[in-house]
PDB file of all heavy atoms in Angstrom:
ATOM      1  N   SER A   1       0.831  -1.200   0.000  1.00  0.00           N
ATOM      2  CA  SER A   1       0.000   0.000   0.000  1.00  0.00           C
ATOM      3  C   SER A   1       0.868   1.254   0.000  1.00  0.00           C
ATOM      4  O   SER A   1       2.051   1.229   0.338  1.00  0.00           O
ATOM      5  CB  SER A   1      -0.904   0.006   1.232  1.00  0.00           C
ATOM      6  OG  SER A   1      -1.589  -1.216   1.382  1.00  0.00           O
ATOM      7  N   THR A   2       0.246   2.377  -0.377  1.00  0.00           N
ATOM      8  CA  THR A   2       0.863   3.683  -0.199  1.00  0.00           C
ATOM      9  C   THR A   2       0.555   4.156   1.212  1.00  0.00           C
ATOM     10  O   THR A   2      -0.614   4.236   1.604  1.00  0.00           O
ATOM     11  CB  THR A   2       0.329   4.692  -1.220  1.00  0.00           C
ATOM     12  OG1 THR A   2       0.715   4.273  -2.537  1.00  0.00           O
ATOM     13  CG2 THR A   2       0.898   6.082  -0.957  1.00  0.00           C
ATOM     14  N   LEU A   3       1.583   4.468   1.987  1.00  0.00           N
ATOM     15  CA  LEU A   3       1.422   4.837   3.386  1.00  0.00           C
ATOM     16  C   LEU A   3       1.262   6.350   3.514  1.00  0.00           C
ATOM     17  O   LEU A   3       1.945   7.117   2.825  1.00  0.00           O
ATOM     18  CB  LEU A   3       2.617   4.344   4.197  1.00  0.00           C
ATOM     19  CG  LEU A   3       2.892   2.832   4.062  1.00  0.00           C
ATOM     20  CD1 LEU A   3       4.089   2.431   4.904  1.00  0.00           C
ATOM     21  CD2 LEU A   3       1.666   2.009   4.440  1.00  0.00           C
ATOM     22  N   SER A   4       0.360   6.772   4.411  1.00  0.00           N
ATOM     23  CA  SER A   4      -0.063   8.169   4.451  1.00  0.00           C
ATOM     24  C   SER A   4       0.361   8.924   5.693  1.00  0.00           C
ATOM     25  O   SER A   4       0.733  10.092   5.615  1.00  0.00           O
ATOM     26  CB  SER A   4      -1.596   8.260   4.341  1.00  0.00           C
ATOM     27  OG  SER A   4      -2.075   7.579   3.214  1.00  0.00           O
ATOM     28  N   ASP A   5       0.278   8.288   6.884  1.00  0.00           N
ATOM     29  CA  ASP A   5       0.470   9.045   8.120  1.00  0.00           C
ATOM     30  C   ASP A   5       0.886   8.094   9.233  1.00  0.00           C
ATOM     31  O   ASP A   5       0.666   6.878   9.158  1.00  0.00           O
ATOM     32  CB  ASP A   5      -0.815   9.780   8.494  1.00  0.00           C
ATOM     33  CG  ASP A   5      -0.581  10.926   9.469  1.00  0.00           C
ATOM     34  OD1 ASP A   5       0.592  11.248   9.746  1.00  0.00           O
ATOM     35  OD2 ASP A   5      -1.576  11.495   9.952  1.00  0.00           O
ATOM     36  N   ILE A   6       1.467   8.666  10.296  1.00  0.00           N
ATOM     37  CA  ILE A   6       1.974   7.891  11.424  1.00  0.00           C
ATOM     38  C   ILE A   6       1.718   8.658  12.703  1.00  0.00           C
ATOM     39  O   ILE A   6       1.761   9.895  12.723  1.00  0.00           O
ATOM     40  CB  ILE A   6       3.481   7.599  11.249  1.00  0.00           C
ATOM     41  CG1 ILE A   6       4.013   6.719  12.386  1.00  0.00           C
ATOM     42  CG2 ILE A   6       4.276   8.884  11.130  1.00  0.00           C
ATOM     43  CD1 ILE A   6       5.438   6.234  12.154  1.00  0.00           C
ATOM     44  N   ALA A   7       1.420   7.932  13.793  1.00  0.00           N
ATOM     45  CA  ALA A   7       1.215   8.544  15.099  1.00  0.00           C
ATOM     46  C   ALA A   7       1.507   7.515  16.175  1.00  0.00           C
ATOM     47  O   ALA A   7       1.428   6.303  15.940  1.00  0.00           O
ATOM     48  CB  ALA A   7      -0.213   9.077  15.236  1.00  0.00           C
ATOM     49  N   PHE A   8       1.831   8.000  17.379  1.00  0.00           N
ATOM     50  CA  PHE A   8       2.127   7.126  18.510  1.00  0.00           C
ATOM     51  C   PHE A   8       1.183   7.426  19.670  1.00  0.00           C
ATOM     52  O   PHE A   8       0.704   8.554  19.825  1.00  0.00           O
ATOM     53  CB  PHE A   8       3.581   7.295  18.953  1.00  0.00           C
ATOM     54  CG  PHE A   8       4.562   6.552  18.084  1.00  0.00           C
ATOM     55  CD1 PHE A   8       4.873   7.023  16.815  1.00  0.00           C
ATOM     56  CD2 PHE A   8       5.150   5.374  18.519  1.00  0.00           C
ATOM     57  CE1 PHE A   8       5.765   6.343  16.001  1.00  0.00           C
ATOM     58  CE2 PHE A   8       6.044   4.683  17.711  1.00  0.00           C
ATOM     59  CZ  PHE A   8       6.349   5.161  16.452  1.00  0.00           C
ATOM     60  N   THR A   9       0.939   6.403  20.485  1.00  0.00           N
ATOM     61  CA  THR A   9       0.100   6.543  21.665  1.00  0.00           C
ATOM     62  C   THR A   9       0.920   7.152  22.801  1.00  0.00           C
ATOM     63  O   THR A   9       2.043   7.622  22.597  1.00  0.00           O
ATOM     64  CB  THR A   9      -0.442   5.171  22.090  1.00  0.00           C
ATOM     65  OG1 THR A   9       0.663   4.367  22.564  1.00  0.00           O
ATOM     66  CG2 THR A   9      -1.095   4.455  20.904  1.00  0.00           C
ATOM     67  N   GLN A  10       0.361   7.122  24.037  1.00  0.00           N
ATOM     68  CA  GLN A  10       1.112   7.651  25.177  1.00  0.00           C
ATOM     69  C   GLN A  10       2.355   6.815  25.473  1.00  0.00           C
ATOM     70  O   GLN A  10       3.296   7.287  26.108  1.00  0.00           O
ATOM     71  CB  GLN A  10       0.229   7.722  26.411  1.00  0.00           C
ATOM     72  CG  GLN A  10      -0.207   6.390  26.981  1.00  0.00           C
ATOM     73  CD  GLN A  10      -1.084   6.547  28.207  1.00  0.00           C
ATOM     74  OE1 GLN A  10      -1.632   7.622  28.462  1.00  0.00           O
ATOM     75  NE2 GLN A  10      -1.233   5.488  28.981  1.00  0.00           N
ATOM     76  N   ASP A  11       2.374   5.575  24.999  1.00  0.00           N
ATOM     77  CA  ASP A  11       3.563   4.738  25.052  1.00  0.00           C
ATOM     78  C   ASP A  11       4.417   5.068  23.840  1.00  0.00           C
ATOM     79  O   ASP A  11       4.022   4.831  22.693  1.00  0.00           O
ATOM     80  CB  ASP A  11       3.163   3.259  25.042  1.00  0.00           C
ATOM     81  CG  ASP A  11       4.348   2.311  25.054  1.00  0.00           C
ATOM     82  OD1 ASP A  11       5.496   2.783  24.931  1.00  0.00           O
ATOM     83  OD2 ASP A  11       4.124   1.095  25.163  1.00  0.00           O
ATOM     84  N   ALA A  12       5.601   5.609  24.067  1.00  0.00           N
ATOM     85  CA  ALA A  12       6.441   6.086  22.967  1.00  0.00           C
ATOM     86  C   ALA A  12       6.859   4.984  22.006  1.00  0.00           C
ATOM     87  O   ALA A  12       7.278   5.264  20.891  1.00  0.00           O
ATOM     88  CB  ALA A  12       7.683   6.773  23.529  1.00  0.00           C
ATOM     89  N   ASP A  13       6.752   3.719  22.421  1.00  0.00           N
ATOM     90  CA  ASP A  13       7.106   2.605  21.547  1.00  0.00           C
ATOM     91  C   ASP A  13       5.911   2.058  20.774  1.00  0.00           C
ATOM     92  O   ASP A  13       6.088   1.221  19.883  1.00  0.00           O
ATOM     93  CB  ASP A  13       7.729   1.466  22.363  1.00  0.00           C
ATOM     94  CG  ASP A  13       9.128   1.800  22.847  1.00  0.00           C
ATOM     95  OD1 ASP A  13       9.821   2.563  22.155  1.00  0.00           O
ATOM     96  OD2 ASP A  13       9.511   1.309  23.925  1.00  0.00           O
ATOM     97  N   HIS A  14       4.713   2.508  21.122  1.00  0.00           N
ATOM     98  CA  HIS A  14       3.489   1.947  20.537  1.00  0.00           C
ATOM     99  C   HIS A  14       2.909   2.926  19.519  1.00  0.00           C
ATOM    100  O   HIS A  14       2.408   3.998  19.869  1.00  0.00           O
ATOM    101  CB  HIS A  14       2.460   1.679  21.633  1.00  0.00           C
ATOM    102  CG  HIS A  14       1.231   0.990  21.141  1.00  0.00           C
ATOM    103  ND1 HIS A  14       0.036   1.007  21.836  1.00  0.00           N
ATOM    104  CD2 HIS A  14       0.988   0.262  20.012  1.00  0.00           C
ATOM    105  CE1 HIS A  14      -0.874   0.318  21.161  1.00  0.00           C
ATOM    106  NE2 HIS A  14      -0.310  -0.140  20.044  1.00  0.00           N
ATOM    107  N   GLY A  15       3.004   2.570  18.243  1.00  0.00           N
ATOM    108  CA  GLY A  15       2.550   3.488  17.207  1.00  0.00           C
ATOM    109  C   GLY A  15       1.760   2.802  16.114  1.00  0.00           C
ATOM    110  O   GLY A  15       1.667   1.569  16.050  1.00  0.00           O
ATOM    111  N   TRP A  16       1.196   3.633  15.232  1.00  0.00           N
ATOM    112  CA  TRP A  16       0.338   3.167  14.150  1.00  0.00           C
ATOM    113  C   TRP A  16       0.665   3.915  12.863  1.00  0.00           C
ATOM    114  O   TRP A  16       1.005   5.101  12.880  1.00  0.00           O
ATOM    115  CB  TRP A  16      -1.131   3.394  14.489  1.00  0.00           C
ATOM    116  CG  TRP A  16      -1.608   2.603  15.677  1.00  0.00           C
ATOM    117  CD1 TRP A  16      -1.486   2.944  17.001  1.00  0.00           C
ATOM    118  CD2 TRP A  16      -2.255   1.327  15.649  1.00  0.00           C
ATOM    119  NE1 TRP A  16      -2.028   1.968  17.793  1.00  0.00           N
ATOM    120  CE2 TRP A  16      -2.513   0.959  16.996  1.00  0.00           C
ATOM    121  CE3 TRP A  16      -2.654   0.471  14.624  1.00  0.00           C
ATOM    122  CZ2 TRP A  16      -3.137  -0.221  17.332  1.00  0.00           C
ATOM    123  CZ3 TRP A  16      -3.281  -0.714  14.959  1.00  0.00           C
ATOM    124  CH2 TRP A  16      -3.519  -1.062  16.293  1.00  0.00           C
ATOM    125  N   ILE A  17       0.542   3.223  11.732  1.00  0.00           N
ATOM    126  CA  ILE A  17       0.656   3.813  10.397  1.00  0.00           C
ATOM    127  C   ILE A  17      -0.605   3.463   9.620  1.00  0.00           C
ATOM    128  O   ILE A  17      -1.125   2.352   9.740  1.00  0.00           O
ATOM    129  CB  ILE A  17       1.899   3.280   9.655  1.00  0.00           C
ATOM    130  CG1 ILE A  17       3.175   3.917  10.213  1.00  0.00           C
ATOM    131  CG2 ILE A  17       1.817   3.554   8.151  1.00  0.00           C
ATOM    132  CD1 ILE A  17       4.451   3.378   9.602  1.00  0.00           C
ATOM    133  N   VAL A  18      -1.090   4.414   8.827  1.00  0.00           N
ATOM    134  CA  VAL A  18      -2.258   4.172   7.981  1.00  0.00           C
ATOM    135  C   VAL A  18      -1.891   4.411   6.529  1.00  0.00           C
ATOM    136  O   VAL A  18      -0.908   5.086   6.210  1.00  0.00           O
ATOM    137  CB  VAL A  18      -3.449   5.077   8.374  1.00  0.00           C
ATOM    138  CG1 VAL A  18      -3.942   4.739   9.774  1.00  0.00           C
ATOM    139  CG2 VAL A  18      -3.065   6.557   8.272  1.00  0.00           C
ATOM    140  N   GLY A  19      -2.719   3.835   5.623  1.00  0.00           N
ATOM    141  CA  GLY A  19      -2.472   4.011   4.202  1.00  0.00           C
ATOM    142  C   GLY A  19      -3.629   3.521   3.366  1.00  0.00           C
ATOM    143  O   GLY A  19      -4.748   3.326   3.863  1.00  0.00           O
ATOM    144  N   SER A  20      -3.360   3.313   2.089  1.00  0.00           N
ATOM    145  CA  SER A  20      -4.389   2.851   1.161  1.00  0.00           C
ATOM    146  C   SER A  20      -4.717   1.386   1.421  1.00  0.00           C
ATOM    147  O   SER A  20      -4.031   0.697   2.187  1.00  0.00           O
ATOM    148  CB  SER A  20      -3.914   3.053  -0.276  1.00  0.00           C
ATOM    149  OG  SER A  20      -2.756   2.268  -0.535  1.00  0.00           O
ATOM    150  N   ARG A  21      -5.773   0.897   0.760  1.00  0.00           N
ATOM    151  CA  ARG A  21      -6.194  -0.505   0.847  1.00  0.00           C
ATOM    152  C   ARG A  21      -6.493  -0.943   2.280  1.00  0.00           C
ATOM    153  O   ARG A  21      -6.149  -2.048   2.700  1.00  0.00           O
ATOM    154  CB  ARG A  21      -5.131  -1.428   0.244  1.00  0.00           C
ATOM    155  CG  ARG A  21      -4.775  -1.101  -1.202  1.00  0.00           C
ATOM    156  CD  ARG A  21      -3.722  -2.064  -1.716  1.00  0.00           C
ATOM    157  NE  ARG A  21      -3.278  -1.704  -3.065  1.00  0.00           N
ATOM    158  CZ  ARG A  21      -2.353  -2.366  -3.750  1.00  0.00           C
ATOM    159  NH1 ARG A  21      -1.771  -3.438  -3.207  1.00  0.00           N
ATOM    160  NH2 ARG A  21      -1.996  -1.979  -4.945  1.00  0.00           N
ATOM    161  N   ASN A  22      -7.099  -0.042   3.065  1.00  0.00           N
ATOM    162  CA  ASN A  22      -7.463  -0.337   4.458  1.00  0.00           C
ATOM    163  C   ASN A  22      -6.244  -0.638   5.333  1.00  0.00           C
ATOM    164  O   ASN A  22      -6.364  -1.314   6.360  1.00  0.00           O
ATOM    165  CB  ASN A  22      -8.428  -1.529   4.533  1.00  0.00           C
ATOM    166  CG  ASN A  22      -9.767  -1.258   3.880  1.00  0.00           C
ATOM    167  OD1 ASN A  22     -10.071  -0.126   3.533  1.00  0.00           O
ATOM    168  ND2 ASN A  22     -10.559  -2.289   3.684  1.00  0.00           N
ATOM    169  N   THR A  23      -5.089  -0.138   4.956  1.00  0.00           N
ATOM    170  CA  THR A  23      -3.868  -0.490   5.660  1.00  0.00           C
ATOM    171  C   THR A  23      -3.804   0.155   7.037  1.00  0.00           C
ATOM    172  O   THR A  23      -3.937   1.373   7.189  1.00  0.00           O
ATOM    173  CB  THR A  23      -2.634  -0.079   4.855  1.00  0.00           C
ATOM    174  OG1 THR A  23      -2.602  -0.847   3.643  1.00  0.00           O
ATOM    175  CG2 THR A  23      -1.361  -0.332   5.630  1.00  0.00           C
ATOM    176  N   LEU A  24      -3.567  -0.686   8.035  1.00  0.00           N
ATOM    177  CA  LEU A  24      -3.372  -0.258   9.415  1.00  0.00           C
ATOM    178  C   LEU A  24      -2.231  -1.099   9.983  1.00  0.00           C
ATOM    179  O   LEU A  24      -2.343  -2.322  10.098  1.00  0.00           O
ATOM    180  CB  LEU A  24      -4.650  -0.458  10.228  1.00  0.00           C
ATOM    181  CG  LEU A  24      -4.724   0.176  11.614  1.00  0.00           C
ATOM    182  CD1 LEU A  24      -4.644   1.709  11.507  1.00  0.00           C
ATOM    183  CD2 LEU A  24      -6.012  -0.228  12.322  1.00  0.00           C
ATOM    184  N   LEU A  25      -1.099  -0.457  10.290  1.00  0.00           N
ATOM    185  CA  LEU A  25       0.082  -1.136  10.807  1.00  0.00           C
ATOM    186  C   LEU A  25       0.341  -0.704  12.242  1.00  0.00           C
ATOM    187  O   LEU A  25       0.153   0.459  12.590  1.00  0.00           O
ATOM    188  CB  LEU A  25       1.311  -0.812   9.956  1.00  0.00           C
ATOM    189  CG  LEU A  25       1.233  -1.092   8.451  1.00  0.00           C
ATOM    190  CD1 LEU A  25       2.511  -0.618   7.770  1.00  0.00           C
ATOM    191  CD2 LEU A  25       1.003  -2.568   8.190  1.00  0.00           C
ATOM    192  N   GLU A  26       0.806  -1.653  13.071  1.00  0.00           N
ATOM    193  CA  GLU A  26       1.055  -1.375  14.486  1.00  0.00           C
ATOM    194  C   GLU A  26       2.479  -1.778  14.856  1.00  0.00           C
ATOM    195  O   GLU A  26       2.988  -2.798  14.396  1.00  0.00           O
ATOM    196  CB  GLU A  26       0.061  -2.153  15.349  1.00  0.00           C
ATOM    197  CG  GLU A  26       0.214  -1.895  16.853  1.00  0.00           C
ATOM    198  CD  GLU A  26      -0.778  -2.689  17.681  1.00  0.00           C
ATOM    199  OE1 GLU A  26      -1.341  -3.672  17.148  1.00  0.00           O
ATOM    200  OE2 GLU A  26      -0.993  -2.336  18.860  1.00  0.00           O
ATOM    201  N   THR A  27       3.139  -0.947  15.678  1.00  0.00           N
ATOM    202  CA  THR A  27       4.449  -1.269  16.216  1.00  0.00           C
ATOM    203  C   THR A  27       4.408  -1.212  17.728  1.00  0.00           C
ATOM    204  O   THR A  27       3.698  -0.391  18.317  1.00  0.00           O
ATOM    205  CB  THR A  27       5.531  -0.309  15.688  1.00  0.00           C
ATOM    206  OG1 THR A  27       6.815  -0.705  16.210  1.00  0.00           O
ATOM    207  CG2 THR A  27       5.260   1.127  16.113  1.00  0.00           C
ATOM    208  N   GLN A  28       5.172  -2.087  18.355  1.00  0.00           N
ATOM    209  CA  GLN A  28       5.310  -2.087  19.814  1.00  0.00           C
ATOM    210  C   GLN A  28       6.758  -1.821  20.229  1.00  0.00           C
ATOM    211  O   GLN A  28       7.064  -1.838  21.428  1.00  0.00           O
ATOM    212  CB  GLN A  28       4.862  -3.443  20.388  1.00  0.00           C
ATOM    213  CG  GLN A  28       3.416  -3.815  20.085  1.00  0.00           C
ATOM    214  CD  GLN A  28       2.419  -3.108  20.989  1.00  0.00           C
ATOM    215  OE1 GLN A  28       2.788  -2.315  21.850  1.00  0.00           O
ATOM    216  NE2 GLN A  28       1.133  -3.393  20.789  1.00  0.00           N
ATOM    217  N   ASP A  29       7.633  -1.562  19.251  1.00  0.00           N
ATOM    218  CA  ASP A  29       9.045  -1.380  19.557  1.00  0.00           C
ATOM    219  C   ASP A  29       9.613  -0.088  18.977  1.00  0.00           C
ATOM    220  O   ASP A  29      10.774  -0.023  18.576  1.00  0.00           O
ATOM    221  CB  ASP A  29       9.857  -2.585  19.065  1.00  0.00           C
ATOM    222  CG  ASP A  29       9.699  -2.837  17.563  1.00  0.00           C
ATOM    223  OD1 ASP A  29       9.141  -1.964  16.869  1.00  0.00           O
ATOM    224  OD2 ASP A  29      10.126  -3.913  17.094  1.00  0.00           O
ATOM    225  N   GLY A  30       8.784   0.935  18.922  1.00  0.00           N
ATOM    226  CA  GLY A  30       9.256   2.236  18.465  1.00  0.00           C
ATOM    227  C   GLY A  30       9.384   2.391  16.973  1.00  0.00           C
ATOM    228  O   GLY A  30       9.927   3.392  16.497  1.00  0.00           O
TER     229      GLY A  30
END
């Protein structure tokens, strides 16, 4: 997918990326 935006929760290592094709990616390690 083409990725559009990124943000992190109150946990600095826990973040999300969004994009096309319903893409939702999660990280737990920064």
